Amino acid sequence: MYEVTSNKSSEKVNAAEVETLAAAGQFSVFAIRVWSSAAKQRMPIDHALGRFFNDFRCGPALQLFDECMSLLAASATRKVEIGCCPSNMYVVADENILLNCFAALERENTSRAEGIMGEVIKSRLTKAFCRSAKLYVQHLSKAGLGFTRPVNLSVVNK
């Protein structure tokens, strides 16, 4: 995986700011970036992300997340670009692919998620990726972290 900084104004125009994502999106972008850096430095994932996952009551999801990221790293059909942490406040396109996959799984649309991941990994491995990713998404959901922002309702007096 390749870490990038998005300082070019053209990249910022189409990219979402991390802080505008729903809770699970922000959580996942941070985890993706730390995982990428830790893997590059050969740091144990438990050491790099264990406390973070535990702080959000998502400890059991760490192994699933690691499986997803390891599968992505080992089976990517092209160079995968990940934002540099913490300097990049924008979601990088390949991070967005992962977030879209996770969101599709949250909505129980596995075939859509597999199609999304087919853009980045070998197609014969998309089912394996999505199996682990679905369990990861379910753990986040149990901890109250969703990929879809809740709709804000307000009362209007006439």
N, C-alpha and C. Protein backbone atom coordinates (compact mmCIF):
# COMPACT_ATOMS: atom_id res chain seq x y z
N MET A 1 0.85 -1.17 0.00
CA MET A 1 0.00 0.00 0.00
C MET A 1 0.89 1.23 0.00
N TYR A 2 0.35 2.27 -0.51
CA TYR A 2 1.10 3.48 -0.72
C TYR A 2 0.40 4.62 0.01
N GLU A 3 1.13 5.30 0.89
CA GLU A 3 0.55 6.43 1.62
C GLU A 3 0.69 7.70 0.79
N VAL A 4 -0.38 8.45 0.72
CA VAL A 4 -0.38 9.70 -0.04
C VAL A 4 -0.88 10.84 0.83
N THR A 5 -0.43 12.03 0.51
CA THR A 5 -1.00 13.22 1.13
C THR A 5 -1.79 13.92 0.05
N SER A 6 -2.97 14.37 0.36
CA SER A 6 -3.81 15.06 -0.60
C SER A 6 -3.73 16.55 -0.36
N ASN A 7 -2.68 17.15 -0.84
CA ASN A 7 -2.53 18.58 -0.71
C ASN A 7 -2.86 19.31 -1.99
N LYS A 8 -3.10 18.56 -3.05
CA LYS A 8 -3.45 19.18 -4.33
C LYS A 8 -4.90 19.65 -4.28
N SER A 9 -5.14 20.86 -4.70
CA SER A 9 -6.51 21.39 -4.63
C SER A 9 -7.46 20.59 -5.50
N SER A 10 -6.99 20.01 -6.62
CA SER A 10 -7.87 19.23 -7.48
C SER A 10 -8.37 17.98 -6.77
N GLU A 11 -7.55 17.39 -5.89
CA GLU A 11 -7.96 16.21 -5.16
C GLU A 11 -8.95 16.57 -4.06
N LYS A 12 -8.84 17.75 -3.51
CA LYS A 12 -9.73 18.17 -2.43
C LYS A 12 -11.14 18.48 -2.94
N VAL A 13 -11.27 18.88 -4.20
CA VAL A 13 -12.57 19.27 -4.74
C VAL A 13 -13.56 18.11 -4.66
N ASN A 14 -13.14 16.90 -5.03
CA ASN A 14 -14.04 15.76 -5.08
C ASN A 14 -13.99 14.89 -3.84
N ALA A 15 -13.09 15.16 -2.92
CA ALA A 15 -12.91 14.31 -1.75
C ALA A 15 -13.70 14.82 -0.56
N ALA A 16 -14.23 13.87 0.19
CA ALA A 16 -14.94 14.23 1.42
C ALA A 16 -13.92 14.46 2.53
N GLU A 17 -14.27 15.37 3.43
CA GLU A 17 -13.43 15.56 4.61
C GLU A 17 -13.76 14.44 5.58
N VAL A 18 -12.74 13.90 6.21
CA VAL A 18 -12.92 12.78 7.14
C VAL A 18 -13.93 13.15 8.23
N GLU A 19 -13.86 14.39 8.72
CA GLU A 19 -14.75 14.78 9.83
C GLU A 19 -16.22 14.83 9.43
N THR A 20 -16.53 14.81 8.14
CA THR A 20 -17.93 14.82 7.70
C THR A 20 -18.51 13.41 7.60
N LEU A 21 -17.68 12.39 7.75
CA LEU A 21 -18.15 11.01 7.65
C LEU A 21 -18.94 10.62 8.89
N ALA A 22 -19.78 9.61 8.74
CA ALA A 22 -20.46 9.02 9.90
C ALA A 22 -19.40 8.38 10.80
N ALA A 23 -19.80 8.05 12.02
CA ALA A 23 -18.85 7.57 13.03
C ALA A 23 -18.02 6.37 12.57
N ALA A 24 -18.66 5.37 11.97
CA ALA A 24 -17.92 4.18 11.52
C ALA A 24 -16.95 4.53 10.39
N GLY A 25 -17.31 5.51 9.58
CA GLY A 25 -16.41 5.94 8.51
C GLY A 25 -15.16 6.60 9.07
N GLN A 26 -15.34 7.50 10.03
CA GLN A 26 -14.19 8.15 10.67
C GLN A 26 -13.32 7.11 11.37
N PHE A 27 -13.95 6.22 12.09
CA PHE A 27 -13.23 5.15 12.80
C PHE A 27 -12.41 4.33 11.81
N SER A 28 -13.05 3.93 10.72
CA SER A 28 -12.40 3.05 9.74
C SER A 28 -11.27 3.75 9.00
N VAL A 29 -11.45 5.01 8.63
CA VAL A 29 -10.37 5.73 7.94
C VAL A 29 -9.14 5.81 8.85
N PHE A 30 -9.35 6.15 10.11
CA PHE A 30 -8.23 6.20 11.04
C PHE A 30 -7.56 4.83 11.13
N ALA A 31 -8.37 3.78 11.29
CA ALA A 31 -7.83 2.43 11.42
C ALA A 31 -7.08 2.00 10.16
N ILE A 32 -7.61 2.32 8.99
CA ILE A 32 -6.95 1.99 7.72
C ILE A 32 -5.57 2.64 7.66
N ARG A 33 -5.51 3.90 8.02
CA ARG A 33 -4.26 4.64 7.93
C ARG A 33 -3.23 4.13 8.94
N VAL A 34 -3.67 3.86 10.15
CA VAL A 34 -2.75 3.35 11.16
C VAL A 34 -2.30 1.93 10.78
N TRP A 35 -3.21 1.12 10.28
CA TRP A 35 -2.86 -0.24 9.86
C TRP A 35 -1.79 -0.19 8.78
N SER A 36 -1.98 0.68 7.80
CA SER A 36 -1.03 0.80 6.69
C SER A 36 0.36 1.20 7.20
N SER A 37 0.40 2.20 8.08
CA SER A 37 1.68 2.64 8.65
C SER A 37 2.32 1.55 9.49
N ALA A 38 1.52 0.87 10.30
CA ALA A 38 2.04 -0.19 11.16
C ALA A 38 2.59 -1.35 10.32
N ALA A 39 1.88 -1.71 9.27
CA ALA A 39 2.35 -2.80 8.40
C ALA A 39 3.67 -2.43 7.75
N LYS A 40 3.78 -1.19 7.32
CA LYS A 40 5.02 -0.73 6.68
C LYS A 40 6.19 -0.79 7.67
N GLN A 41 5.93 -0.49 8.94
CA GLN A 41 6.96 -0.50 9.98
C GLN A 41 7.10 -1.87 10.64
N ARG A 42 6.33 -2.85 10.18
CA ARG A 42 6.31 -4.21 10.76
C ARG A 42 5.98 -4.19 12.25
N MET A 43 5.07 -3.30 12.61
CA MET A 43 4.61 -3.18 14.00
C MET A 43 3.42 -4.13 14.19
N PRO A 44 3.35 -4.85 15.30
CA PRO A 44 2.20 -5.71 15.55
C PRO A 44 0.91 -4.88 15.55
N ILE A 45 -0.11 -5.39 14.87
CA ILE A 45 -1.37 -4.67 14.74
C ILE A 45 -2.03 -4.46 16.10
N ASP A 46 -1.92 -5.45 16.99
CA ASP A 46 -2.47 -5.29 18.35
C ASP A 46 -1.85 -4.08 19.05
N HIS A 47 -0.57 -3.89 18.85
CA HIS A 47 0.13 -2.77 19.46
C HIS A 47 -0.32 -1.45 18.84
N ALA A 48 -0.49 -1.45 17.52
CA ALA A 48 -0.85 -0.21 16.82
C ALA A 48 -2.31 0.18 17.01
N LEU A 49 -3.21 -0.80 17.03
CA LEU A 49 -4.64 -0.48 17.02
C LEU A 49 -5.45 -1.09 18.17
N GLY A 50 -4.85 -1.95 18.97
CA GLY A 50 -5.60 -2.65 20.02
C GLY A 50 -6.33 -1.73 20.97
N ARG A 51 -5.64 -0.74 21.49
CA ARG A 51 -6.26 0.18 22.45
C ARG A 51 -7.37 1.00 21.78
N PHE A 52 -7.11 1.44 20.56
CA PHE A 52 -8.11 2.22 19.81
C PHE A 52 -9.40 1.42 19.66
N PHE A 53 -9.30 0.18 19.22
CA PHE A 53 -10.49 -0.65 19.06
C PHE A 53 -11.16 -0.91 20.41
N ASN A 54 -10.37 -1.17 21.43
CA ASN A 54 -10.94 -1.42 22.76
C ASN A 54 -11.64 -0.18 23.32
N ASP A 55 -11.07 1.00 23.09
CA ASP A 55 -11.69 2.24 23.57
C ASP A 55 -13.09 2.44 23.00
N PHE A 56 -13.32 1.93 21.80
CA PHE A 56 -14.63 2.06 21.16
C PHE A 56 -15.49 0.80 21.32
N ARG A 57 -15.06 -0.09 22.24
CA ARG A 57 -15.77 -1.35 22.50
C ARG A 57 -15.89 -2.21 21.24
N CYS A 58 -14.81 -2.18 20.45
CA CYS A 58 -14.77 -2.93 19.19
C CYS A 58 -13.60 -3.91 19.16
N GLY A 59 -13.09 -4.30 20.33
CA GLY A 59 -11.93 -5.18 20.39
C GLY A 59 -12.02 -6.40 19.50
N PRO A 60 -13.16 -7.13 19.52
CA PRO A 60 -13.26 -8.34 18.69
C PRO A 60 -13.19 -8.04 17.18
N ALA A 61 -13.45 -6.81 16.80
CA ALA A 61 -13.43 -6.46 15.37
C ALA A 61 -12.02 -6.27 14.83
N LEU A 62 -11.03 -6.13 15.71
CA LEU A 62 -9.66 -5.88 15.25
C LEU A 62 -9.13 -7.02 14.40
N GLN A 63 -9.33 -8.24 14.81
CA GLN A 63 -8.84 -9.37 14.02
C GLN A 63 -9.52 -9.41 12.65
N LEU A 64 -10.80 -9.13 12.62
CA LEU A 64 -11.53 -9.12 11.34
C LEU A 64 -11.02 -8.00 10.44
N PHE A 65 -10.80 -6.83 11.03
CA PHE A 65 -10.27 -5.70 10.27
C PHE A 65 -8.89 -6.04 9.71
N ASP A 66 -8.05 -6.67 10.54
CA ASP A 66 -6.72 -7.07 10.11
C ASP A 66 -6.80 -8.07 8.96
N GLU A 67 -7.74 -9.00 9.03
CA GLU A 67 -7.94 -9.96 7.94
C GLU A 67 -8.28 -9.23 6.64
N CYS A 68 -9.19 -8.28 6.72
CA CYS A 68 -9.59 -7.51 5.54
C CYS A 68 -8.40 -6.76 4.94
N MET A 69 -7.69 -6.06 5.79
CA MET A 69 -6.58 -5.26 5.30
C MET A 69 -5.44 -6.13 4.76
N SER A 70 -5.19 -7.27 5.41
CA SER A 70 -4.15 -8.19 4.93
C SER A 70 -4.53 -8.76 3.58
N LEU A 71 -5.80 -9.11 3.43
CA LEU A 71 -6.28 -9.62 2.14
C LEU A 71 -6.18 -8.55 1.06
N LEU A 72 -6.52 -7.35 1.40
CA LEU A 72 -6.40 -6.24 0.45
C LEU A 72 -4.94 -6.06 0.03
N ALA A 73 -4.05 -6.04 1.01
CA ALA A 73 -2.63 -5.82 0.71
C ALA A 73 -2.05 -6.95 -0.14
N ALA A 74 -2.49 -8.18 0.13
CA ALA A 74 -1.91 -9.34 -0.56
C ALA A 74 -2.52 -9.59 -1.93
N SER A 75 -3.75 -9.11 -2.16
CA SER A 75 -4.42 -9.47 -3.41
C SER A 75 -4.82 -8.28 -4.27
N ALA A 76 -4.29 -7.11 -3.97
CA ALA A 76 -4.63 -5.92 -4.76
C ALA A 76 -4.15 -6.11 -6.20
N THR A 77 -4.97 -5.66 -7.12
CA THR A 77 -4.63 -5.78 -8.54
C THR A 77 -3.87 -4.54 -9.04
N ARG A 78 -3.70 -3.59 -8.14
CA ARG A 78 -2.97 -2.36 -8.47
C ARG A 78 -2.48 -1.75 -7.15
N LYS A 79 -1.72 -0.69 -7.28
CA LYS A 79 -1.26 0.01 -6.08
C LYS A 79 -2.46 0.66 -5.39
N VAL A 80 -2.59 0.40 -4.09
CA VAL A 80 -3.68 0.96 -3.30
C VAL A 80 -3.15 2.16 -2.55
N GLU A 81 -3.83 3.29 -2.69
CA GLU A 81 -3.39 4.52 -2.04
C GLU A 81 -4.21 4.77 -0.78
N ILE A 82 -3.49 5.02 0.30
CA ILE A 82 -4.07 5.27 1.62
C ILE A 82 -3.59 6.64 2.08
N GLY A 83 -4.46 7.41 2.71
CA GLY A 83 -4.09 8.72 3.20
C GLY A 83 -3.04 8.64 4.29
N CYS A 84 -2.20 9.65 4.31
CA CYS A 84 -1.16 9.75 5.33
C CYS A 84 -1.80 10.27 6.61
N CYS A 85 -1.55 9.60 7.71
CA CYS A 85 -2.16 9.95 8.98
C CYS A 85 -1.21 10.83 9.79
N PRO A 86 -1.58 11.85 10.45
CA PRO A 86 -2.90 12.45 10.48
C PRO A 86 -3.02 13.65 9.55
N SER A 87 -2.01 13.90 8.72
CA SER A 87 -1.97 15.15 7.96
C SER A 87 -3.04 15.25 6.88
N ASN A 88 -3.58 14.14 6.43
CA ASN A 88 -4.57 14.19 5.36
C ASN A 88 -5.98 14.23 5.94
N MET A 89 -6.62 15.38 5.80
CA MET A 89 -7.96 15.51 6.35
C MET A 89 -9.04 15.10 5.35
N TYR A 90 -8.61 14.64 4.16
CA TYR A 90 -9.55 14.21 3.13
C TYR A 90 -9.48 12.71 2.92
N VAL A 91 -10.60 12.13 2.53
CA VAL A 91 -10.66 10.71 2.23
C VAL A 91 -10.05 10.48 0.84
N VAL A 92 -9.08 9.58 0.78
CA VAL A 92 -8.43 9.22 -0.47
C VAL A 92 -9.36 8.25 -1.22
N ALA A 93 -9.31 8.24 -2.54
CA ALA A 93 -10.23 7.45 -3.36
C ALA A 93 -10.27 5.97 -2.96
N ASP A 94 -9.12 5.35 -2.68
CA ASP A 94 -9.13 3.94 -2.32
C ASP A 94 -9.70 3.72 -0.92
N GLU A 95 -9.55 4.67 -0.04
CA GLU A 95 -10.22 4.59 1.27
C GLU A 95 -11.73 4.64 1.05
N ASN A 96 -12.15 5.47 0.13
CA ASN A 96 -13.57 5.61 -0.17
C ASN A 96 -14.14 4.31 -0.72
N ILE A 97 -13.35 3.58 -1.50
CA ILE A 97 -13.80 2.28 -2.00
C ILE A 97 -14.09 1.35 -0.82
N LEU A 98 -13.19 1.31 0.14
CA LEU A 98 -13.41 0.47 1.32
C LEU A 98 -14.65 0.92 2.09
N LEU A 99 -14.80 2.23 2.27
CA LEU A 99 -15.97 2.74 3.01
C LEU A 99 -17.27 2.41 2.28
N ASN A 100 -17.26 2.50 0.95
CA ASN A 100 -18.46 2.15 0.18
C ASN A 100 -18.78 0.67 0.32
N CYS A 101 -17.76 -0.17 0.34
CA CYS A 101 -17.95 -1.59 0.55
C CYS A 101 -18.57 -1.84 1.92
N PHE A 102 -17.99 -1.24 2.95
CA PHE A 102 -18.52 -1.41 4.31
C PHE A 102 -19.96 -0.93 4.41
N ALA A 103 -20.26 0.21 3.80
CA ALA A 103 -21.62 0.76 3.84
C ALA A 103 -22.60 -0.18 3.13
N ALA A 104 -22.20 -0.75 2.00
CA ALA A 104 -23.06 -1.70 1.29
C ALA A 104 -23.32 -2.92 2.17
N LEU A 105 -22.31 -3.39 2.87
CA LEU A 105 -22.50 -4.54 3.77
C LEU A 105 -23.42 -4.18 4.93
N GLU A 106 -23.31 -2.96 5.42
CA GLU A 106 -24.20 -2.51 6.50
C GLU A 106 -25.66 -2.54 6.03
N ARG A 107 -25.87 -2.26 4.75
CA ARG A 107 -27.22 -2.28 4.17
C ARG A 107 -27.60 -3.67 3.66
N GLU A 108 -26.78 -4.69 4.00
CA GLU A 108 -27.04 -6.08 3.60
C GLU A 108 -26.97 -6.29 2.09
N ASN A 109 -26.21 -5.45 1.38
CA ASN A 109 -26.08 -5.58 -0.07
C ASN A 109 -24.70 -6.17 -0.40
N THR A 110 -24.58 -7.47 -0.16
CA THR A 110 -23.30 -8.16 -0.32
C THR A 110 -22.84 -8.16 -1.77
N SER A 111 -23.74 -8.34 -2.71
CA SER A 111 -23.32 -8.37 -4.12
C SER A 111 -22.75 -7.02 -4.55
N ARG A 112 -23.33 -5.95 -4.07
CA ARG A 112 -22.80 -4.61 -4.35
C ARG A 112 -21.41 -4.46 -3.73
N ALA A 113 -21.24 -4.90 -2.50
CA ALA A 113 -19.95 -4.81 -1.81
C ALA A 113 -18.88 -5.61 -2.56
N GLU A 114 -19.24 -6.80 -3.03
CA GLU A 114 -18.29 -7.61 -3.79
C GLU A 114 -17.90 -6.92 -5.09
N GLY A 115 -18.87 -6.28 -5.74
CA GLY A 115 -18.57 -5.54 -6.96
C GLY A 115 -17.63 -4.37 -6.71
N ILE A 116 -17.85 -3.69 -5.62
CA ILE A 116 -16.99 -2.56 -5.25
C ILE A 116 -15.57 -3.04 -5.03
N MET A 117 -15.41 -4.11 -4.26
CA MET A 117 -14.06 -4.62 -3.98
C MET A 117 -13.40 -5.22 -5.21
N GLY A 118 -14.20 -5.63 -6.17
CA GLY A 118 -13.65 -6.14 -7.43
C GLY A 118 -12.85 -5.10 -8.18
N GLU A 119 -13.01 -3.82 -7.82
CA GLU A 119 -12.22 -2.75 -8.44
C GLU A 119 -10.79 -2.76 -7.95
N VAL A 120 -10.53 -3.40 -6.81
CA VAL A 120 -9.22 -3.30 -6.17
C VAL A 120 -8.52 -4.65 -5.96
N ILE A 121 -9.30 -5.69 -5.69
CA ILE A 121 -8.67 -6.99 -5.41
C ILE A 121 -9.10 -8.01 -6.46
N LYS A 122 -8.38 -9.12 -6.50
CA LYS A 122 -8.69 -10.19 -7.43
C LYS A 122 -10.13 -10.64 -7.20
N SER A 123 -10.89 -10.75 -8.28
CA SER A 123 -12.33 -11.02 -8.16
C SER A 123 -12.64 -12.31 -7.42
N ARG A 124 -11.78 -13.31 -7.53
CA ARG A 124 -12.06 -14.58 -6.84
C ARG A 124 -11.93 -14.46 -5.31
N LEU A 125 -11.38 -13.34 -4.83
CA LEU A 125 -11.21 -13.15 -3.39
C LEU A 125 -12.20 -12.15 -2.78
N THR A 126 -13.09 -11.62 -3.61
CA THR A 126 -14.03 -10.62 -3.07
C THR A 126 -14.98 -11.22 -2.04
N LYS A 127 -15.42 -12.47 -2.25
CA LYS A 127 -16.32 -13.10 -1.28
C LYS A 127 -15.64 -13.28 0.07
N ALA A 128 -14.37 -13.71 0.05
CA ALA A 128 -13.62 -13.89 1.30
C ALA A 128 -13.45 -12.55 2.00
N PHE A 129 -13.12 -11.51 1.25
CA PHE A 129 -12.97 -10.18 1.83
C PHE A 129 -14.29 -9.75 2.48
N CYS A 130 -15.37 -9.89 1.75
CA CYS A 130 -16.66 -9.40 2.24
C CYS A 130 -17.19 -10.21 3.41
N ARG A 131 -16.82 -11.48 3.52
CA ARG A 131 -17.22 -12.27 4.71
C ARG A 131 -16.65 -11.65 5.97
N SER A 132 -15.34 -11.38 5.95
CA SER A 132 -14.70 -10.77 7.13
C SER A 132 -15.18 -9.34 7.33
N ALA A 133 -15.32 -8.61 6.23
CA ALA A 133 -15.75 -7.21 6.32
C ALA A 133 -17.16 -7.10 6.89
N LYS A 134 -18.04 -8.03 6.54
CA LYS A 134 -19.40 -7.99 7.07
C LYS A 134 -19.40 -8.18 8.59
N LEU A 135 -18.60 -9.10 9.07
CA LEU A 135 -18.49 -9.31 10.51
C LEU A 135 -17.90 -8.08 11.20
N TYR A 136 -16.91 -7.46 10.55
CA TYR A 136 -16.31 -6.21 11.07
C TYR A 136 -17.40 -5.13 11.20
N VAL A 137 -18.18 -4.96 10.15
CA VAL A 137 -19.25 -3.95 10.14
C VAL A 137 -20.28 -4.26 11.23
N GLN A 138 -20.61 -5.53 11.42
CA GLN A 138 -21.58 -5.90 12.46
C GLN A 138 -21.05 -5.58 13.86
N HIS A 139 -19.75 -5.80 14.09
CA HIS A 139 -19.16 -5.45 15.39
C HIS A 139 -19.22 -3.94 15.62
N LEU A 140 -18.93 -3.16 14.59
CA LEU A 140 -19.01 -1.71 14.74
C LEU A 140 -20.44 -1.28 15.05
N SER A 141 -21.38 -1.89 14.36
CA SER A 141 -22.79 -1.57 14.58
C SER A 141 -23.22 -1.86 16.01
N LYS A 142 -22.78 -3.00 16.54
CA LYS A 142 -23.11 -3.35 17.94
C LYS A 142 -22.53 -2.32 18.91
N ALA A 143 -21.42 -1.70 18.52
CA ALA A 143 -20.79 -0.68 19.38
C ALA A 143 -21.40 0.71 19.13
N GLY A 144 -22.40 0.79 18.27
CA GLY A 144 -23.06 2.06 18.00
C GLY A 144 -22.42 2.89 16.90
N LEU A 145 -21.55 2.27 16.10
CA LEU A 145 -20.88 2.99 15.01
C LEU A 145 -21.46 2.55 13.68
N GLY A 146 -22.07 3.49 12.97
CA GLY A 146 -22.67 3.18 11.67
C GLY A 146 -21.98 3.94 10.55
N PHE A 147 -22.15 3.43 9.33
CA PHE A 147 -21.56 4.08 8.16
C PHE A 147 -22.49 5.11 7.53
N THR A 148 -23.74 5.13 7.99
CA THR A 148 -24.71 6.09 7.48
C THR A 148 -25.02 7.08 8.59
N ARG A 149 -24.93 8.35 8.25
CA ARG A 149 -25.26 9.38 9.24
C ARG A 149 -26.74 9.32 9.55
N PRO A 150 -27.10 9.44 10.81
CA PRO A 150 -28.53 9.47 11.15
C PRO A 150 -29.17 10.73 10.56
N VAL A 151 -30.41 10.59 10.20
CA VAL A 151 -31.15 11.72 9.66
C VAL A 151 -31.49 12.66 10.81
N ASN A 152 -31.20 13.92 10.63
CA ASN A 152 -31.52 14.92 11.65
C ASN A 152 -32.93 15.43 11.39
N LEU A 153 -33.79 15.26 12.35
CA LEU A 153 -35.16 15.74 12.23
C LEU A 153 -35.32 16.96 13.12
N SER A 154 -36.12 17.87 12.66
CA SER A 154 -36.40 19.04 13.47
C SER A 154 -37.90 19.33 13.43
N VAL A 155 -38.35 19.94 14.48
CA VAL A 155 -39.76 20.30 14.59
C VAL A 155 -39.95 21.70 13.99
N VAL A 156 -40.94 21.80 13.14
CA VAL A 156 -41.24 23.08 12.51
C VAL A 156 -42.60 23.53 13.02
N ASN A 157 -42.66 24.71 13.61
CA ASN A 157 -43.94 25.26 14.09
C ASN A 157 -44.53 26.13 12.99
N LYS A 158 -45.81 25.90 12.77
CA LYS A 158 -46.49 26.71 11.73
C LYS A 158 -47.24 27.82 12.36
